[in-house]
Amino acid sequence: MRLLLINGPNLNLLGKREPDLYGSTTLTSIEEDLRESGRTKGAELQFFQSNFEGALVERIHKAFGQVDGILINAGAYTHTSIALRDALLGVDIPYVELHLSNIYSREQFRHHSFLAEHAVGVVSGFGVMSYELAMEGLVNYLKKIDGSNG
């Protein structure tokens, strides 16, 4: 099973940016941990991060026919990007939206997601563990629709 983890704007600053809110773990560390955890679940992971909306859209397009599922932390684009929503719908790849912080306990503008409506699920508020929980959920979903038990 092939999964793609997409991280949006400012997530390259994890570990440095607002550590009281986002923690001190770097994106590289999250990716290393997910790669290992994915391996134990039969999932091969690819990673992509960009601060540019168009680059994220292009990477989603490139995923068509290449991956079985997408994990996406679109950062602030979650709340603003119809282009990301349309790209995800266009490739028709199951995806899970995820966030480090609980977006519903933050500013009002963060309470709306353009991605959630068509996501397999949304994981929010568990810090770095949100990535692992999102992957676990997506792997289980993909196994279920594939008809395999593991």
C-alpha atoms as a PDB file:
ATOM      1  CA  MET A   1       0.000   0.000   0.000  1.00  0.00           C
ATOM      2  CA  ARG A   2       1.404   3.359  -1.039  1.00  0.00           C
ATOM      3  CA  LEU A   3       0.633   6.507   0.941  1.00  0.00           C
ATOM      4  CA  LEU A   4       1.550  10.119   0.361  1.00  0.00           C
ATOM      5  CA  LEU A   5       1.922  12.577   3.241  1.00  0.00           C
ATOM      6  CA  ILE A   6       1.456  16.170   2.139  1.00  0.00           C
ATOM      7  CA  ASN A   7       2.351  19.043   4.454  1.00  0.00           C
ATOM      8  CA  GLY A   8       1.450  22.619   3.626  1.00  0.00           C
ATOM      9  CA  PRO A   9       2.746  26.059   4.546  1.00  0.00           C
ATOM     10  CA  ASN A  10       4.960  26.630   7.560  1.00  0.00           C
ATOM     11  CA  LEU A  11       5.118  22.960   8.507  1.00  0.00           C
ATOM     12  CA  ASN A  12       8.773  22.963   7.460  1.00  0.00           C
ATOM     13  CA  LEU A  13       9.252  25.109  10.598  1.00  0.00           C
ATOM     14  CA  LEU A  14       7.960  22.459  13.008  1.00  0.00           C
ATOM     15  CA  GLY A  15      10.162  22.275  16.069  1.00  0.00           C
ATOM     16  CA  LYS A  16      10.971  26.005  15.784  1.00  0.00           C
ATOM     17  CA  ARG A  17       7.628  27.695  15.116  1.00  0.00           C
ATOM     18  CA  GLU A  18       5.433  28.269  18.178  1.00  0.00           C
ATOM     19  CA  PRO A  19       6.658  25.197  20.076  1.00  0.00           C
ATOM     20  CA  ASP A  20       4.114  25.844  22.844  1.00  0.00           C
ATOM     21  CA  LEU A  21       1.366  25.209  20.262  1.00  0.00           C
ATOM     22  CA  TYR A  22       2.986  22.776  17.816  1.00  0.00           C
ATOM     23  CA  GLY A  23       5.650  21.077  19.948  1.00  0.00           C
ATOM     24  CA  SER A  24       9.383  20.688  19.440  1.00  0.00           C
ATOM     25  CA  THR A  25       9.381  17.712  17.048  1.00  0.00           C
ATOM     26  CA  THR A  26      10.652  18.469  13.546  1.00  0.00           C
ATOM     27  CA  LEU A  27       8.886  17.464  10.334  1.00  0.00           C
ATOM     28  CA  THR A  28      11.876  15.280   9.433  1.00  0.00           C
ATOM     29  CA  SER A  29      11.478  13.392  12.702  1.00  0.00           C
ATOM     30  CA  ILE A  30       7.747  12.927  12.104  1.00  0.00           C
ATOM     31  CA  GLU A  31       8.467  11.573   8.628  1.00  0.00           C
ATOM     32  CA  GLU A  32      11.122   9.150   9.916  1.00  0.00           C
ATOM     33  CA  ASP A  33       8.772   7.823  12.596  1.00  0.00           C
ATOM     34  CA  LEU A  34       5.892   7.467  10.112  1.00  0.00           C
ATOM     35  CA  ARG A  35       8.084   5.671   7.599  1.00  0.00           C
ATOM     36  CA  GLU A  36       9.018   3.088  10.224  1.00  0.00           C
ATOM     37  CA  SER A  37       5.492   2.766  11.606  1.00  0.00           C
ATOM     38  CA  GLY A  38       4.082   2.498   8.096  1.00  0.00           C
ATOM     39  CA  ARG A  39       6.478  -0.299   7.287  1.00  0.00           C
ATOM     40  CA  THR A  40       5.037  -2.360  10.164  1.00  0.00           C
ATOM     41  CA  LYS A  41       1.534  -1.789   8.764  1.00  0.00           C
ATOM     42  CA  GLY A  42       2.463  -2.704   5.194  1.00  0.00           C
ATOM     43  CA  ALA A  43       2.484   0.904   3.996  1.00  0.00           C
ATOM     44  CA  GLU A  44       5.197   2.614   1.981  1.00  0.00           C
ATOM     45  CA  LEU A  45       5.207   6.380   2.502  1.00  0.00           C
ATOM     46  CA  GLN A  46       6.212   9.273   0.281  1.00  0.00           C
ATOM     47  CA  PHE A  47       6.557  12.795   1.673  1.00  0.00           C
ATOM     48  CA  PHE A  48       6.012  16.253   0.246  1.00  0.00           C
ATOM     49  CA  GLN A  49       6.008  19.704   1.844  1.00  0.00           C
ATOM     50  CA  SER A  50       5.560  23.078   0.224  1.00  0.00           C
ATOM     51  CA  ASN A  51       4.647  26.588   1.241  1.00  0.00           C
ATOM     52  CA  PHE A  52       3.145  27.144  -2.221  1.00  0.00           C
ATOM     53  CA  GLU A  53      -0.452  26.243  -2.996  1.00  0.00           C
ATOM     54  CA  GLY A  54       0.248  25.491  -6.667  1.00  0.00           C
ATOM     55  CA  ALA A  55       3.045  23.074  -5.771  1.00  0.00           C
ATOM     56  CA  LEU A  56       0.677  21.216  -3.446  1.00  0.00           C
ATOM     57  CA  VAL A  57      -1.955  21.011  -6.191  1.00  0.00           C
ATOM     58  CA  GLU A  58       0.645  19.728  -8.657  1.00  0.00           C
ATOM     59  CA  ARG A  59       1.827  17.055  -6.198  1.00  0.00           C
ATOM     60  CA  ILE A  60      -1.747  15.878  -5.675  1.00  0.00           C
ATOM     61  CA  HIS A  61      -2.185  15.632  -9.465  1.00  0.00           C
ATOM     62  CA  LYS A  62       1.067  13.651  -9.735  1.00  0.00           C
ATOM     63  CA  ALA A  63      -0.269  11.191  -7.134  1.00  0.00           C
ATOM     64  CA  PHE A  64      -3.037  10.036  -9.492  1.00  0.00           C
ATOM     65  CA  GLY A  65      -2.559   6.336 -10.157  1.00  0.00           C
ATOM     66  CA  GLN A  66       0.604   6.321  -8.034  1.00  0.00           C
ATOM     67  CA  VAL A  67      -0.683   6.132  -4.438  1.00  0.00           C
ATOM     68  CA  ASP A  68      -3.541   4.406  -2.645  1.00  0.00           C
ATOM     69  CA  GLY A  69      -4.167   7.123  -0.072  1.00  0.00           C
ATOM     70  CA  ILE A  70      -3.171  10.619   0.996  1.00  0.00           C
ATOM     71  CA  LEU A  71      -2.536  12.076   4.435  1.00  0.00           C
ATOM     72  CA  ILE A  72      -2.773  15.851   4.288  1.00  0.00           C
ATOM     73  CA  ASN A  73      -1.949  18.581   6.762  1.00  0.00           C
ATOM     74  CA  ALA A  74      -2.700  21.534   4.536  1.00  0.00           C
ATOM     75  CA  GLY A  75      -1.985  24.027   7.320  1.00  0.00           C
ATOM     76  CA  ALA A  76      -3.682  27.362   6.724  1.00  0.00           C
ATOM     77  CA  TYR A  77      -4.736  26.251   3.219  1.00  0.00           C
ATOM     78  CA  THR A  78      -7.258  23.970   4.938  1.00  0.00           C
ATOM     79  CA  HIS A  79      -9.373  27.048   5.599  1.00  0.00           C
ATOM     80  CA  THR A  80      -8.814  28.901   2.315  1.00  0.00           C
ATOM     81  CA  SER A  81      -8.047  26.600  -0.600  1.00  0.00           C
ATOM     82  CA  ILE A  82     -10.782  25.516  -2.940  1.00  0.00           C
ATOM     83  CA  ALA A  83      -7.948  24.574  -5.324  1.00  0.00           C
ATOM     84  CA  LEU A  84      -6.671  21.881  -2.927  1.00  0.00           C
ATOM     85  CA  ARG A  85     -10.211  20.603  -2.420  1.00  0.00           C
ATOM     86  CA  ASP A  86     -10.752  20.389  -6.175  1.00  0.00           C
ATOM     87  CA  ALA A  87      -7.398  18.665  -6.715  1.00  0.00           C
ATOM     88  CA  LEU A  88      -8.206  16.028  -4.089  1.00  0.00           C
ATOM     89  CA  LEU A  89     -11.637  15.455  -5.600  1.00  0.00           C
ATOM     90  CA  GLY A  90     -10.157  15.363  -9.090  1.00  0.00           C
ATOM     91  CA  VAL A  91      -7.731  12.532  -8.395  1.00  0.00           C
ATOM     92  CA  ASP A  92     -10.324  10.596  -6.367  1.00  0.00           C
ATOM     93  CA  ILE A  93      -7.768   9.183  -3.920  1.00  0.00           C
ATOM     94  CA  PRO A  94      -9.014   8.515  -0.373  1.00  0.00           C
ATOM     95  CA  TYR A  95      -7.509  11.046   2.038  1.00  0.00           C
ATOM     96  CA  VAL A  96      -7.379  11.930   5.715  1.00  0.00           C
ATOM     97  CA  GLU A  97      -7.105  15.552   6.828  1.00  0.00           C
ATOM     98  CA  LEU A  98      -4.948  16.056   9.889  1.00  0.00           C
ATOM     99  CA  HIS A  99      -3.837  18.836  12.201  1.00  0.00           C
ATOM    100  CA  LEU A 100      -1.453  19.030  15.135  1.00  0.00           C
ATOM    101  CA  SER A 101      -3.663  21.441  17.076  1.00  0.00           C
ATOM    102  CA  ASN A 102      -7.387  21.280  17.729  1.00  0.00           C
ATOM    103  CA  ILE A 103      -8.563  23.682  15.047  1.00  0.00           C
ATOM    104  CA  TYR A 104     -11.941  24.003  16.774  1.00  0.00           C
ATOM    105  CA  SER A 105     -10.386  25.406  19.951  1.00  0.00           C
ATOM    106  CA  ARG A 106      -8.573  28.119  18.023  1.00  0.00           C
ATOM    107  CA  GLU A 107      -9.613  31.209  16.087  1.00  0.00           C
ATOM    108  CA  GLN A 108     -13.053  31.139  14.468  1.00  0.00           C
ATOM    109  CA  PHE A 109     -11.626  31.288  10.933  1.00  0.00           C
ATOM    110  CA  ARG A 110      -9.929  27.927  11.556  1.00  0.00           C
ATOM    111  CA  HIS A 111     -13.237  26.192  12.289  1.00  0.00           C
ATOM    112  CA  HIS A 112     -14.083  25.728   8.603  1.00  0.00           C
ATOM    113  CA  SER A 113     -12.264  23.249   6.394  1.00  0.00           C
ATOM    114  CA  PHE A 114     -12.637  23.068   2.632  1.00  0.00           C
ATOM    115  CA  LEU A 115     -11.182  19.536   2.770  1.00  0.00           C
ATOM    116  CA  ALA A 116     -13.146  17.787   5.529  1.00  0.00           C
ATOM    117  CA  GLU A 117     -16.398  17.190   3.668  1.00  0.00           C
ATOM    118  CA  HIS A 118     -14.935  14.530   1.379  1.00  0.00           C
ATOM    119  CA  ALA A 119     -12.196  13.190   3.664  1.00  0.00           C
ATOM    120  CA  VAL A 120     -12.259   9.624   4.949  1.00  0.00           C
ATOM    121  CA  GLY A 121     -11.693  11.227   8.349  1.00  0.00           C
ATOM    122  CA  VAL A 122     -10.223  14.189  10.192  1.00  0.00           C
ATOM    123  CA  VAL A 123      -7.699  13.963  13.032  1.00  0.00           C
ATOM    124  CA  SER A 124      -7.100  17.143  14.998  1.00  0.00           C
ATOM    125  CA  GLY A 125      -5.554  18.116  18.296  1.00  0.00           C
ATOM    126  CA  PHE A 126      -3.247  15.264  19.231  1.00  0.00           C
ATOM    127  CA  GLY A 127       0.034  16.951  18.403  1.00  0.00           C
ATOM    128  CA  VAL A 128       2.569  14.760  16.637  1.00  0.00           C
ATOM    129  CA  MET A 129       0.393  11.732  17.395  1.00  0.00           C
ATOM    130  CA  SER A 130      -2.183  13.151  14.919  1.00  0.00           C
ATOM    131  CA  TYR A 131       0.051  11.901  12.111  1.00  0.00           C
ATOM    132  CA  GLU A 132       0.175   8.358  13.454  1.00  0.00           C
ATOM    133  CA  LEU A 133      -3.563   8.292  14.167  1.00  0.00           C
ATOM    134  CA  ALA A 134      -4.352   9.591  10.678  1.00  0.00           C
ATOM    135  CA  MET A 135      -2.119   6.962   9.087  1.00  0.00           C
ATOM    136  CA  GLU A 136      -3.630   4.185  11.199  1.00  0.00           C
ATOM    137  CA  GLY A 137      -7.128   5.264  10.186  1.00  0.00           C
ATOM    138  CA  LEU A 138      -6.273   5.507   6.497  1.00  0.00           C
ATOM    139  CA  VAL A 139      -4.500   2.137   6.445  1.00  0.00           C
ATOM    140  CA  ASN A 140      -7.482   0.475   8.135  1.00  0.00           C
ATOM    141  CA  TYR A 141      -9.888   2.166   5.711  1.00  0.00           C
ATOM    142  CA  LEU A 142      -7.882   1.078   2.662  1.00  0.00           C
ATOM    143  CA  LYS A 143      -7.652  -2.507   3.919  1.00  0.00           C
ATOM    144  CA  LYS A 144     -11.398  -2.540   4.477  1.00  0.00           C
ATOM    145  CA  ILE A 145     -12.268  -1.297   0.993  1.00  0.00           C
ATOM    146  CA  ASP A 146      -9.673  -3.675  -0.479  1.00  0.00           C
ATOM    147  CA  GLY A 147     -11.291  -6.576   1.375  1.00  0.00           C
ATOM    148  CA  SER A 148      -8.105  -7.646   3.105  1.00  0.00           C
ATOM    149  CA  ASN A 149      -7.716  -8.187   6.833  1.00  0.00           C
ATOM    150  CA  GLY A 150      -4.156  -7.112   7.081  1.00  0.00           C
END
